[in-house]
Amino acid sequence: MSTAAQLGKVAVLMGGSAAEREISLQSGKAVLQALLGKGVDAHAFDPSESNVCALLDQGYDRAFVMLHGRGGEDGVIQGALESLGLPYTGSGVAGCAMSMDKLSSKRLWTGMGLPTPPYRVLNEHTNWQEVVNHLGLPLMVKPGHEGSSLGMTQVYEADMLAIAWEKAAAYDAVVIAEKWIDGAEYTAAILGDEVLPLIRLETPREFYDYAAKYEQDDTSYICPCGLSDEAETECRQLALEAFESLDASGWGRVDFMMDKQGKPWLIEVNTVPGMTGHSLVPMAAEAVGMDFQSLVLAILEASVVHNHVRVNTHGA
């Protein structure tokens, strides 16, 4: 365990200019308060308000990345931090870029033989009926590079596809339709090389959308998740394999569905998961006796030995 002095001056990167700005601010403020509670010299830093080069001018030793979505979870800020020589939390450039790109993730998993729902790429020339013939109904339409379920629509009829595509295309030029897996939704939180206890999600809404994640209080988070020990172990191993296959590291979250036959289907990897009052990684950590402050400190301490960049010589 590192001391607060060894961690040096820490910038908690939050806000940004992505569609998930408000959630990032909530997550960042929670992380900042946790670090301050542990005696760490931590400060809020919003890259949309200050040039990232100011991190060096202001004497920061490392960064805790709490930027969700584009610019923060896609490798962009990670590349900037590496160019500055500042250690940071979470995955490196490649891991963030691959994980944020849902299409690339699915292509890689498919090539590796890992289970992920069948999909089609959509554009204005797509034959909607052919998509339905290929994937069936219902199906999910989503932007290729967004988080927090932004721009997603569950489609029940072929004539809904064009509208769903337009909604997703407002967020991203890359839009995919994915076969809907009828079954329970699970998430696997990863800390270092350990997969924390799985959480099963239940919502009265059509799916675990933005409102279910951040606005409603009627979502149920079930941990222990109800799977047999053998099934949970297998799902944890699959989640870690999926995570590492995208070169993700440090900490993160793997979301998957379990169909009626008990087969898991990988949906996506999040390299900068939320850390709000509704967030899943803190719930999973609590299940193994780790409180929020200890979780945040463990994530930050990993940056001390992070192999993405050298530790800045002016700091710890």
C-alpha atoms as a PDB file:
ATOM      1  CA  MET A   1       0.000   0.000   0.000  1.00  0.00           C
ATOM      2  CA  SER A   2       1.305   3.409  -0.964  1.00  0.00           C
ATOM      3  CA  THR A   3       1.214   6.345   1.400  1.00  0.00           C
ATOM      4  CA  ALA A   4      -0.555   9.550   0.403  1.00  0.00           C
ATOM      5  CA  ALA A   5       2.845  11.242   0.113  1.00  0.00           C
ATOM      6  CA  GLN A   6       4.101   8.567  -2.270  1.00  0.00           C
ATOM      7  CA  LEU A   7       1.106   9.099  -4.531  1.00  0.00           C
ATOM      8  CA  GLY A   8       1.955  12.788  -4.825  1.00  0.00           C
ATOM      9  CA  LYS A   9      -0.351  15.381  -6.329  1.00  0.00           C
ATOM     10  CA  VAL A  10      -3.231  13.719  -8.148  1.00  0.00           C
ATOM     11  CA  ALA A  11      -5.471  15.173 -10.841  1.00  0.00           C
ATOM     12  CA  VAL A  12      -8.943  13.645 -10.985  1.00  0.00           C
ATOM     13  CA  LEU A  13      -9.885  14.125 -14.620  1.00  0.00           C
ATOM     14  CA  MET A  14     -13.620  14.683 -14.895  1.00  0.00           C
ATOM     15  CA  GLY A  15     -16.195  16.445 -17.032  1.00  0.00           C
ATOM     16  CA  GLY A  16     -14.836  16.766 -20.543  1.00  0.00           C
ATOM     17  CA  SER A  17     -16.979  17.568 -23.556  1.00  0.00           C
ATOM     18  CA  ALA A  18     -18.500  14.153 -24.365  1.00  0.00           C
ATOM     19  CA  ALA A  19     -22.188  13.267 -24.167  1.00  0.00           C
ATOM     20  CA  GLU A  20     -21.522  11.621 -20.802  1.00  0.00           C
ATOM     21  CA  ARG A  21     -20.141  14.811 -19.227  1.00  0.00           C
ATOM     22  CA  GLU A  22     -22.692  15.010 -16.400  1.00  0.00           C
ATOM     23  CA  ILE A  23     -22.128  11.408 -15.344  1.00  0.00           C
ATOM     24  CA  SER A  24     -18.376  11.977 -15.504  1.00  0.00           C
ATOM     25  CA  LEU A  25     -18.717  14.949 -13.161  1.00  0.00           C
ATOM     26  CA  GLN A  26     -20.719  12.853 -10.705  1.00  0.00           C
ATOM     27  CA  SER A  27     -18.185  10.021 -10.839  1.00  0.00           C
ATOM     28  CA  GLY A  28     -15.234  12.385 -10.606  1.00  0.00           C
ATOM     29  CA  LYS A  29     -16.574  14.242  -7.586  1.00  0.00           C
ATOM     30  CA  ALA A  30     -17.193  10.950  -5.768  1.00  0.00           C
ATOM     31  CA  VAL A  31     -13.649   9.781  -6.526  1.00  0.00           C
ATOM     32  CA  LEU A  32     -12.187  13.134  -5.483  1.00  0.00           C
ATOM     33  CA  GLN A  33     -13.949  13.040  -2.111  1.00  0.00           C
ATOM     34  CA  ALA A  34     -12.801   9.455  -1.541  1.00  0.00           C
ATOM     35  CA  LEU A  35      -9.166  10.345  -2.238  1.00  0.00           C
ATOM     36  CA  LEU A  36      -9.332  13.406  -0.004  1.00  0.00           C
ATOM     37  CA  GLY A  37     -10.807  11.185   2.689  1.00  0.00           C
ATOM     38  CA  LYS A  38      -7.690   9.001   2.409  1.00  0.00           C
ATOM     39  CA  GLY A  39      -5.419  12.021   2.780  1.00  0.00           C
ATOM     40  CA  VAL A  40      -4.365  12.136  -0.889  1.00  0.00           C
ATOM     41  CA  ASP A  41      -3.468  15.534  -2.373  1.00  0.00           C
ATOM     42  CA  ALA A  42      -6.171  15.287  -5.036  1.00  0.00           C
ATOM     43  CA  HIS A  43      -7.727  18.019  -7.169  1.00  0.00           C
ATOM     44  CA  ALA A  44     -10.449  18.208  -9.817  1.00  0.00           C
ATOM     45  CA  PHE A  45      -9.255  18.827 -13.369  1.00  0.00           C
ATOM     46  CA  ASP A  46     -11.628  19.333 -16.317  1.00  0.00           C
ATOM     47  CA  PRO A  47      -9.869  19.030 -19.706  1.00  0.00           C
ATOM     48  CA  SER A  48     -12.679  20.979 -21.342  1.00  0.00           C
ATOM     49  CA  GLU A  49     -11.776  23.990 -19.193  1.00  0.00           C
ATOM     50  CA  SER A  50      -7.979  23.675 -18.952  1.00  0.00           C
ATOM     51  CA  ASN A  51      -5.384  22.485 -21.463  1.00  0.00           C
ATOM     52  CA  VAL A  52      -4.086  19.082 -20.457  1.00  0.00           C
ATOM     53  CA  CYS A  53      -0.508  20.442 -20.651  1.00  0.00           C
ATOM     54  CA  ALA A  54      -1.339  22.441 -17.521  1.00  0.00           C
ATOM     55  CA  LEU A  55      -1.057  19.190 -15.588  1.00  0.00           C
ATOM     56  CA  LEU A  56       2.714  19.475 -15.790  1.00  0.00           C
ATOM     57  CA  ASP A  57       2.756  23.213 -15.141  1.00  0.00           C
ATOM     58  CA  GLN A  58       0.673  22.654 -12.008  1.00  0.00           C
ATOM     59  CA  GLY A  59       2.965  19.927 -10.704  1.00  0.00           C
ATOM     60  CA  TYR A  60       0.737  16.871 -10.898  1.00  0.00           C
ATOM     61  CA  ASP A  61       2.365  13.480 -10.403  1.00  0.00           C
ATOM     62  CA  ARG A  62      -0.398  11.236 -11.785  1.00  0.00           C
ATOM     63  CA  ALA A  63      -3.970  11.263 -13.018  1.00  0.00           C
ATOM     64  CA  PHE A  64      -7.104   9.410 -12.010  1.00  0.00           C
ATOM     65  CA  VAL A  65      -9.116   9.203 -15.232  1.00  0.00           C
ATOM     66  CA  MET A  66     -12.854   9.637 -14.651  1.00  0.00           C
ATOM     67  CA  LEU A  67     -13.729  10.887 -18.125  1.00  0.00           C
ATOM     68  CA  HIS A  68     -16.529   8.812 -19.630  1.00  0.00           C
ATOM     69  CA  GLY A  69     -17.158   8.458 -23.352  1.00  0.00           C
ATOM     70  CA  ARG A  70     -15.232  10.070 -26.167  1.00  0.00           C
ATOM     71  CA  GLY A  71     -12.067  11.892 -25.343  1.00  0.00           C
ATOM     72  CA  GLY A  72     -11.745  10.041 -22.053  1.00  0.00           C
ATOM     73  CA  GLU A  73     -12.536   6.393 -22.613  1.00  0.00           C
ATOM     74  CA  ASP A  74     -11.338   5.971 -26.199  1.00  0.00           C
ATOM     75  CA  GLY A  75      -7.581   6.363 -25.749  1.00  0.00           C
ATOM     76  CA  VAL A  76      -7.390  10.077 -26.553  1.00  0.00           C
ATOM     77  CA  ILE A  77      -6.685  11.395 -23.051  1.00  0.00           C
ATOM     78  CA  GLN A  78      -4.501   8.362 -22.366  1.00  0.00           C
ATOM     79  CA  GLY A  79      -2.334   9.265 -25.363  1.00  0.00           C
ATOM     80  CA  ALA A  80      -2.045  12.836 -24.133  1.00  0.00           C
ATOM     81  CA  LEU A  81      -1.034  11.680 -20.658  1.00  0.00           C
ATOM     82  CA  GLU A  82       1.586   9.357 -22.097  1.00  0.00           C
ATOM     83  CA  SER A  83       3.025  12.206 -24.154  1.00  0.00           C
ATOM     84  CA  LEU A  84       3.316  14.184 -20.913  1.00  0.00           C
ATOM     85  CA  GLY A  85       4.915  11.260 -19.077  1.00  0.00           C
ATOM     86  CA  LEU A  86       2.199  11.166 -16.416  1.00  0.00           C
ATOM     87  CA  PRO A  87       1.069   7.830 -14.958  1.00  0.00           C
ATOM     88  CA  TYR A  88      -2.690   7.312 -15.025  1.00  0.00           C
ATOM     89  CA  THR A  89      -5.334   4.861 -13.929  1.00  0.00           C
ATOM     90  CA  GLY A  90      -6.897   2.164 -16.043  1.00  0.00           C
ATOM     91  CA  SER A  91      -6.206   0.841 -19.510  1.00  0.00           C
ATOM     92  CA  GLY A  92      -3.689   2.214 -21.979  1.00  0.00           C
ATOM     93  CA  VAL A  93      -4.335   3.765 -25.365  1.00  0.00           C
ATOM     94  CA  ALA A  94      -4.934   0.525 -27.235  1.00  0.00           C
ATOM     95  CA  GLY A  95      -7.115  -1.027 -24.547  1.00  0.00           C
ATOM     96  CA  CYS A  96      -9.320   2.031 -24.310  1.00  0.00           C
ATOM     97  CA  ALA A  97      -9.625   2.448 -28.073  1.00  0.00           C
ATOM     98  CA  MET A  98     -10.514  -1.204 -28.680  1.00  0.00           C
ATOM     99  CA  SER A  99     -12.986  -1.388 -25.805  1.00  0.00           C
ATOM    100  CA  MET A 100     -14.760   1.831 -26.767  1.00  0.00           C
ATOM    101  CA  ASP A 101     -15.189   0.587 -30.331  1.00  0.00           C
ATOM    102  CA  LYS A 102     -18.060  -1.894 -30.066  1.00  0.00           C
ATOM    103  CA  LEU A 103     -17.673  -3.042 -33.672  1.00  0.00           C
ATOM    104  CA  SER A 104     -13.957  -3.768 -33.304  1.00  0.00           C
ATOM    105  CA  SER A 105     -14.600  -5.539 -29.989  1.00  0.00           C
ATOM    106  CA  LYS A 106     -17.179  -7.821 -31.560  1.00  0.00           C
ATOM    107  CA  ARG A 107     -14.998  -8.553 -34.568  1.00  0.00           C
ATOM    108  CA  LEU A 108     -12.079  -9.505 -32.327  1.00  0.00           C
ATOM    109  CA  TRP A 109     -14.210 -11.675 -30.036  1.00  0.00           C
ATOM    110  CA  THR A 110     -15.808 -13.394 -33.012  1.00  0.00           C
ATOM    111  CA  GLY A 111     -12.366 -14.109 -34.464  1.00  0.00           C
ATOM    112  CA  MET A 112     -11.250 -15.575 -31.129  1.00  0.00           C
ATOM    113  CA  GLY A 113     -14.327 -17.739 -30.840  1.00  0.00           C
ATOM    114  CA  LEU A 114     -15.658 -15.854 -27.823  1.00  0.00           C
ATOM    115  CA  PRO A 115     -19.474 -15.643 -27.660  1.00  0.00           C
ATOM    116  CA  THR A 116     -20.969 -12.298 -28.667  1.00  0.00           C
ATOM    117  CA  PRO A 117     -24.384 -11.761 -30.270  1.00  0.00           C
ATOM    118  CA  PRO A 118     -24.573 -11.765 -34.099  1.00  0.00           C
ATOM    119  CA  TYR A 119     -24.690  -8.266 -35.580  1.00  0.00           C
ATOM    120  CA  ARG A 120     -24.980  -6.179 -38.711  1.00  0.00           C
ATOM    121  CA  VAL A 121     -23.531  -2.739 -39.501  1.00  0.00           C
ATOM    122  CA  LEU A 122     -26.250  -0.253 -40.482  1.00  0.00           C
ATOM    123  CA  ASN A 123     -26.229   2.765 -42.782  1.00  0.00           C
ATOM    124  CA  GLU A 124     -28.684   4.752 -44.889  1.00  0.00           C
ATOM    125  CA  HIS A 125     -28.539   2.121 -47.656  1.00  0.00           C
ATOM    126  CA  THR A 126     -29.307  -0.853 -45.417  1.00  0.00           C
ATOM    127  CA  ASN A 127     -32.165  -3.146 -46.367  1.00  0.00           C
ATOM    128  CA  TRP A 128     -34.003  -3.224 -43.044  1.00  0.00           C
ATOM    129  CA  GLN A 129     -35.927  -6.388 -43.813  1.00  0.00           C
ATOM    130  CA  GLU A 130     -32.702  -8.250 -44.594  1.00  0.00           C
ATOM    131  CA  VAL A 131     -31.362  -7.233 -41.174  1.00  0.00           C
ATOM    132  CA  VAL A 132     -34.481  -8.615 -39.513  1.00  0.00           C
ATOM    133  CA  ASN A 133     -34.245 -11.806 -41.557  1.00  0.00           C
ATOM    134  CA  HIS A 134     -30.633 -12.234 -40.440  1.00  0.00           C
ATOM    135  CA  LEU A 135     -30.905 -11.267 -36.754  1.00  0.00           C
ATOM    136  CA  GLY A 136     -34.565 -11.821 -35.954  1.00  0.00           C
ATOM    137  CA  LEU A 137     -36.672  -9.688 -33.616  1.00  0.00           C
ATOM    138  CA  PRO A 138     -36.343  -8.090 -31.207  1.00  0.00           C
ATOM    139  CA  LEU A 139     -32.878  -6.640 -31.741  1.00  0.00           C
ATOM    140  CA  MET A 140     -30.786  -3.810 -30.321  1.00  0.00           C
ATOM    141  CA  VAL A 141     -29.553  -0.819 -32.328  1.00  0.00           C
ATOM    142  CA  LYS A 142     -26.661   1.131 -30.841  1.00  0.00           C
ATOM    143  CA  PRO A 143     -23.949   3.670 -31.715  1.00  0.00           C
ATOM    144  CA  GLY A 144     -20.542   2.118 -32.197  1.00  0.00           C
ATOM    145  CA  HIS A 145     -18.684   4.463 -29.824  1.00  0.00           C
ATOM    146  CA  GLU A 146     -20.922   5.548 -26.942  1.00  0.00           C
ATOM    147  CA  GLY A 147     -21.511   4.492 -23.365  1.00  0.00           C
ATOM    148  CA  SER A 148     -24.258   4.790 -20.737  1.00  0.00           C
ATOM    149  CA  SER A 149     -26.730   3.296 -23.263  1.00  0.00           C
ATOM    150  CA  LEU A 150     -26.900   6.625 -25.118  1.00  0.00           C
ATOM    151  CA  GLY A 151     -28.562   6.355 -28.525  1.00  0.00           C
ATOM    152  CA  MET A 152     -29.696   2.761 -28.004  1.00  0.00           C
ATOM    153  CA  THR A 153     -33.099   1.419 -29.054  1.00  0.00           C
ATOM    154  CA  GLN A 154     -34.671  -1.981 -28.654  1.00  0.00           C
ATOM    155  CA  VAL A 155     -36.468  -2.759 -31.940  1.00  0.00           C
ATOM    156  CA  TYR A 156     -39.537  -5.000 -32.130  1.00  0.00           C
ATOM    157  CA  GLU A 157     -40.707  -4.385 -35.703  1.00  0.00           C
ATOM    158  CA  ALA A 158     -38.855  -3.969 -39.003  1.00  0.00           C
ATOM    159  CA  ASP A 159     -40.376  -0.535 -39.616  1.00  0.00           C
ATOM    160  CA  MET A 160     -38.779   0.699 -36.364  1.00  0.00           C
ATOM    161  CA  LEU A 161     -35.258   0.065 -37.668  1.00  0.00           C
ATOM    162  CA  ALA A 162     -34.893   3.237 -39.726  1.00  0.00           C
ATOM    163  CA  ILE A 163     -35.950   5.401 -36.768  1.00  0.00           C
ATOM    164  CA  ALA A 164     -33.614   3.513 -34.433  1.00  0.00           C
ATOM    165  CA  TRP A 165     -30.745   3.933 -36.887  1.00  0.00           C
ATOM    166  CA  GLU A 166     -31.363   7.691 -37.114  1.00  0.00           C
ATOM    167  CA  LYS A 167     -31.331   7.977 -33.326  1.00  0.00           C
ATOM    168  CA  ALA A 168     -28.032   6.099 -33.039  1.00  0.00           C
ATOM    169  CA  ALA A 169     -26.511   7.903 -36.041  1.00  0.00           C
ATOM    170  CA  ALA A 170     -27.045  11.212 -34.229  1.00  0.00           C
ATOM    171  CA  TYR A 171     -24.325  10.020 -31.823  1.00  0.00           C
ATOM    172  CA  ASP A 172     -21.987   8.162 -34.171  1.00  0.00           C
ATOM    173  CA  ALA A 173     -21.276   7.468 -37.834  1.00  0.00           C
ATOM    174  CA  VAL A 174     -20.911   3.771 -36.966  1.00  0.00           C
ATOM    175  CA  VAL A 175     -24.190   2.083 -36.013  1.00  0.00           C
ATOM    176  CA  ILE A 176     -24.730  -1.613 -35.381  1.00  0.00           C
ATOM    177  CA  ALA A 177     -27.774  -3.822 -34.937  1.00  0.00           C
ATOM    178  CA  GLU A 178     -27.268  -6.715 -32.554  1.00  0.00           C
ATOM    179  CA  LYS A 179     -29.353  -9.832 -31.982  1.00  0.00           C
ATOM    180  CA  TRP A 180     -31.286  -9.459 -28.750  1.00  0.00           C
ATOM    181  CA  ILE A 181     -30.422 -12.105 -26.185  1.00  0.00           C
ATOM    182  CA  ASP A 182     -33.515 -13.027 -24.210  1.00  0.00           C
ATOM    183  CA  GLY A 183     -32.279 -13.621 -20.690  1.00  0.00           C
ATOM    184  CA  ALA A 184     -30.693 -12.088 -17.621  1.00  0.00           C
ATOM    185  CA  GLU A 185     -28.111  -9.294 -17.723  1.00  0.00           C
ATOM    186  CA  TYR A 186     -24.905  -9.521 -15.690  1.00  0.00           C
ATOM    187  CA  THR A 187     -21.830  -7.437 -15.112  1.00  0.00           C
ATOM    188  CA  ALA A 188     -18.330  -8.462 -14.046  1.00  0.00           C
ATOM    189  CA  ALA A 189     -16.187  -5.857 -12.321  1.00  0.00           C
ATOM    190  CA  ILE A 190     -12.436  -6.329 -12.754  1.00  0.00           C
ATOM    191  CA  LEU A 191      -9.777  -4.975 -10.417  1.00  0.00           C
ATOM    192  CA  GLY A 192      -6.229  -5.804 -11.438  1.00  0.00           C
ATOM    193  CA  ASP A 193      -6.307  -9.455 -12.457  1.00  0.00           C
ATOM    194  CA  GLU A 194      -9.226 -10.298 -10.169  1.00  0.00           C
ATOM    195  CA  VAL A 195     -12.856 -10.585 -11.235  1.00  0.00           C
ATOM    196  CA  LEU A 196     -15.131  -9.456  -8.420  1.00  0.00           C
ATOM    197  CA  PRO A 197     -18.448 -11.197  -7.670  1.00  0.00           C
ATOM    198  CA  LEU A 198     -20.921 -10.968 -10.527  1.00  0.00           C
ATOM    199  CA  ILE A 199     -23.984  -8.748 -10.273  1.00  0.00           C
ATOM    200  CA  ARG A 200     -27.304  -9.593 -11.928  1.00  0.00           C
ATOM    201  CA  LEU A 201     -29.333  -6.603 -13.079  1.00  0.00           C
ATOM    202  CA  GLU A 202     -33.105  -6.491 -13.134  1.00  0.00           C
ATOM    203  CA  THR A 203     -35.100  -3.514 -14.374  1.00  0.00           C
ATOM    204  CA  PRO A 204     -38.805  -3.068 -15.145  1.00  0.00           C
ATOM    205  CA  ARG A 205     -37.761  -1.065 -18.200  1.00  0.00           C
ATOM    206  CA  GLU A 206     -37.231  -2.605 -21.659  1.00  0.00           C
ATOM    207  CA  PHE A 207     -33.513  -2.874 -20.954  1.00  0.00           C
ATOM    208  CA  TYR A 208     -30.826  -1.441 -18.668  1.00  0.00           C
ATOM    209  CA  ASP A 209     -30.902   1.997 -20.315  1.00  0.00           C
ATOM    210  CA  TYR A 210     -29.675   5.438 -19.250  1.00  0.00           C
ATOM    211  CA  ALA A 211     -32.646   6.043 -16.956  1.00  0.00           C
ATOM    212  CA  ALA A 212     -32.263   2.639 -15.303  1.00  0.00           C
ATOM    213  CA  LYS A 213     -28.555   3.291 -14.782  1.00  0.00           C
ATOM    214  CA  TYR A 214     -28.652   6.826 -13.424  1.00  0.00           C
ATOM    215  CA  GLU A 215     -32.146   8.175 -12.828  1.00  0.00           C
ATOM    216  CA  GLN A 216     -34.506   5.470 -11.554  1.00  0.00           C
ATOM    217  CA  ASP A 217     -34.466   3.690  -8.215  1.00  0.00           C
ATOM    218  CA  ASP A 218     -36.408   0.625  -9.366  1.00  0.00           C
ATOM    219  CA  THR A 219     -33.424  -1.297 -10.749  1.00  0.00           C
ATOM    220  CA  SER A 220     -32.445  -4.348  -8.680  1.00  0.00           C
ATOM    221  CA  TYR A 221     -28.781  -5.286  -8.222  1.00  0.00           C
ATOM    222  CA  ILE A 222     -28.471  -8.905  -7.132  1.00  0.00           C
ATOM    223  CA  CYS A 223     -25.200 -10.100  -5.588  1.00  0.00           C
ATOM    224  CA  PRO A 224     -24.655 -12.991  -5.076  1.00  0.00           C
ATOM    225  CA  CYS A 225     -26.001 -13.209  -8.604  1.00  0.00           C
ATOM    226  CA  GLY A 226     -27.807 -16.543  -8.204  1.00  0.00           C
ATOM    227  CA  LEU A 227     -25.632 -18.640 -10.521  1.00  0.00           C
ATOM    228  CA  SER A 228     -24.071 -21.876  -9.309  1.00  0.00           C
ATOM    229  CA  ASP A 229     -20.461 -21.630  -8.159  1.00  0.00           C
ATOM    230  CA  GLU A 230     -19.356 -23.484 -11.284  1.00  0.00           C
ATOM    231  CA  ALA A 231     -21.338 -21.248 -13.643  1.00  0.00           C
ATOM    232  CA  GLU A 232     -20.137 -18.060 -11.950  1.00  0.00           C
ATOM    233  CA  THR A 233     -16.526 -19.215 -12.114  1.00  0.00           C
ATOM    234  CA  GLU A 234     -16.876 -19.920 -15.830  1.00  0.00           C
ATOM    235  CA  CYS A 235     -18.460 -16.508 -16.444  1.00  0.00           C
ATOM    236  CA  ARG A 236     -15.726 -14.757 -14.458  1.00  0.00           C
ATOM    237  CA  GLN A 237     -13.078 -16.513 -16.542  1.00  0.00           C
ATOM    238  CA  LEU A 238     -14.866 -15.526 -19.751  1.00  0.00           C
ATOM    239  CA  ALA A 239     -15.108 -11.912 -18.598  1.00  0.00           C
ATOM    240  CA  LEU A 240     -11.391 -11.752 -17.806  1.00  0.00           C
ATOM    241  CA  GLU A 241     -10.500 -13.324 -21.157  1.00  0.00           C
ATOM    242  CA  ALA A 242     -12.716 -10.826 -22.986  1.00  0.00           C
ATOM    243  CA  PHE A 243     -11.200  -7.939 -21.003  1.00  0.00           C
ATOM    244  CA  GLU A 244      -7.596  -8.955 -21.615  1.00  0.00           C
ATOM    245  CA  SER A 245      -8.250  -9.772 -25.292  1.00  0.00           C
ATOM    246  CA  LEU A 246      -8.889  -6.052 -25.868  1.00  0.00           C
ATOM    247  CA  ASP A 247      -5.633  -5.157 -24.084  1.00  0.00           C
ATOM    248  CA  ALA A 248      -7.647  -3.655 -21.235  1.00  0.00           C
ATOM    249  CA  SER A 249      -5.966  -3.501 -17.832  1.00  0.00           C
ATOM    250  CA  GLY A 250      -6.032  -1.964 -14.377  1.00  0.00           C
ATOM    251  CA  TRP A 251      -9.749  -1.970 -13.736  1.00  0.00           C
ATOM    252  CA  GLY A 252     -12.968  -2.037 -15.688  1.00  0.00           C
ATOM    253  CA  ARG A 253     -16.242  -3.812 -16.255  1.00  0.00           C
ATOM    254  CA  VAL A 254     -17.468  -6.506 -18.646  1.00  0.00           C
ATOM    255  CA  ASP A 255     -21.193  -6.670 -19.426  1.00  0.00           C
ATOM    256  CA  PHE A 256     -22.829  -9.830 -20.719  1.00  0.00           C
ATOM    257  CA  MET A 257     -26.220 -11.500 -21.151  1.00  0.00           C
ATOM    258  CA  MET A 258     -27.156 -15.050 -20.198  1.00  0.00           C
ATOM    259  CA  ASP A 259     -29.672 -16.726 -22.507  1.00  0.00           C
ATOM    260  CA  LYS A 260     -32.405 -19.143 -21.454  1.00  0.00           C
ATOM    261  CA  GLN A 261     -30.084 -22.094 -22.114  1.00  0.00           C
ATOM    262  CA  GLY A 262     -27.469 -20.719 -19.710  1.00  0.00           C
ATOM    263  CA  LYS A 263     -24.995 -19.542 -22.349  1.00  0.00           C
ATOM    264  CA  PRO A 264     -23.264 -16.184 -21.720  1.00  0.00           C
ATOM    265  CA  TRP A 265     -22.979 -13.604 -24.538  1.00  0.00           C
ATOM    266  CA  LEU A 266     -20.447 -10.784 -24.311  1.00  0.00           C
ATOM    267  CA  ILE A 267     -21.877  -7.309 -24.879  1.00  0.00           C
ATOM    268  CA  GLU A 268     -19.139  -4.765 -24.121  1.00  0.00           C
ATOM    269  CA  VAL A 269     -16.173  -3.725 -21.992  1.00  0.00           C
ATOM    270  CA  ASN A 270     -16.056  -0.454 -20.071  1.00  0.00           C
ATOM    271  CA  THR A 271     -12.560   0.808 -19.251  1.00  0.00           C
ATOM    272  CA  VAL A 272     -13.742   3.823 -17.198  1.00  0.00           C
ATOM    273  CA  PRO A 273     -16.883   2.578 -15.445  1.00  0.00           C
ATOM    274  CA  GLY A 274     -19.133   4.913 -13.527  1.00  0.00           C
ATOM    275  CA  MET A 275     -18.436   5.622  -9.869  1.00  0.00           C
ATOM    276  CA  THR A 276     -21.776   7.196  -8.912  1.00  0.00           C
ATOM    277  CA  GLY A 277     -24.305   6.090  -6.318  1.00  0.00           C
ATOM    278  CA  HIS A 278     -25.866   3.754  -8.909  1.00  0.00           C
ATOM    279  CA  SER A 279     -22.581   2.325 -10.175  1.00  0.00           C
ATOM    280  CA  LEU A 280     -21.730  -1.359 -10.328  1.00  0.00           C
ATOM    281  CA  VAL A 281     -18.008  -1.643  -9.614  1.00  0.00           C
ATOM    282  CA  PRO A 282     -18.377  -0.187  -6.093  1.00  0.00           C
ATOM    283  CA  MET A 283     -21.231  -2.647  -5.442  1.00  0.00           C
ATOM    284  CA  ALA A 284     -19.070  -5.590  -6.496  1.00  0.00           C
ATOM    285  CA  ALA A 285     -16.172  -4.337  -4.358  1.00  0.00           C
ATOM    286  CA  GLU A 286     -18.468  -3.992  -1.362  1.00  0.00           C
ATOM    287  CA  ALA A 287     -19.405  -7.655  -1.797  1.00  0.00           C
ATOM    288  CA  VAL A 288     -15.799  -8.600  -0.957  1.00  0.00           C
ATOM    289  CA  GLY A 289     -15.567  -6.164   1.939  1.00  0.00           C
ATOM    290  CA  MET A 290     -13.942  -3.253   0.108  1.00  0.00           C
ATOM    291  CA  ASP A 291     -15.479   0.131   0.828  1.00  0.00           C
ATOM    292  CA  PHE A 292     -15.600   2.932  -1.723  1.00  0.00           C
ATOM    293  CA  GLN A 293     -12.562   4.809  -0.419  1.00  0.00           C
ATOM    294  CA  SER A 294     -10.442   1.653  -0.401  1.00  0.00           C
ATOM    295  CA  LEU A 295     -11.576   0.781  -3.938  1.00  0.00           C
ATOM    296  CA  VAL A 296     -10.649   4.217  -5.255  1.00  0.00           C
ATOM    297  CA  LEU A 297      -7.272   4.101  -3.541  1.00  0.00           C
ATOM    298  CA  ALA A 298      -6.561   0.620  -4.955  1.00  0.00           C
ATOM    299  CA  ILE A 299      -7.300   1.849  -8.484  1.00  0.00           C
ATOM    300  CA  LEU A 300      -4.995   4.833  -7.992  1.00  0.00           C
ATOM    301  CA  GLU A 301      -2.203   2.763  -6.465  1.00  0.00           C
ATOM    302  CA  ALA A 302      -2.124   0.615  -9.588  1.00  0.00           C
ATOM    303  CA  SER A 303      -0.971   3.707 -11.497  1.00  0.00           C
ATOM    304  CA  VAL A 304       2.203   3.744  -9.418  1.00  0.00           C
ATOM    305  CA  VAL A 305       3.413   0.575 -11.124  1.00  0.00           C
ATOM    306  CA  HIS A 306       1.487   1.109 -14.342  1.00  0.00           C
ATOM    307  CA  ASN A 307       3.565   0.044 -17.324  1.00  0.00           C
ATOM    308  CA  HIS A 308       2.061   2.501 -19.813  1.00  0.00           C
ATOM    309  CA  VAL A 309       4.412   5.348 -18.890  1.00  0.00           C
ATOM    310  CA  ARG A 310       7.383   6.064 -16.716  1.00  0.00           C
ATOM    311  CA  VAL A 311       6.724   7.704 -13.362  1.00  0.00           C
ATOM    312  CA  ASN A 312       7.455  11.417 -13.618  1.00  0.00           C
ATOM    313  CA  THR A 313      10.826  12.137 -12.035  1.00  0.00           C
ATOM    314  CA  HIS A 314       9.663  15.342 -10.382  1.00  0.00           C
ATOM    315  CA  GLY A 315       7.052  13.443  -8.360  1.00  0.00           C
ATOM    316  CA  ALA A 316       6.783  10.328  -6.283  1.00  0.00           C
END
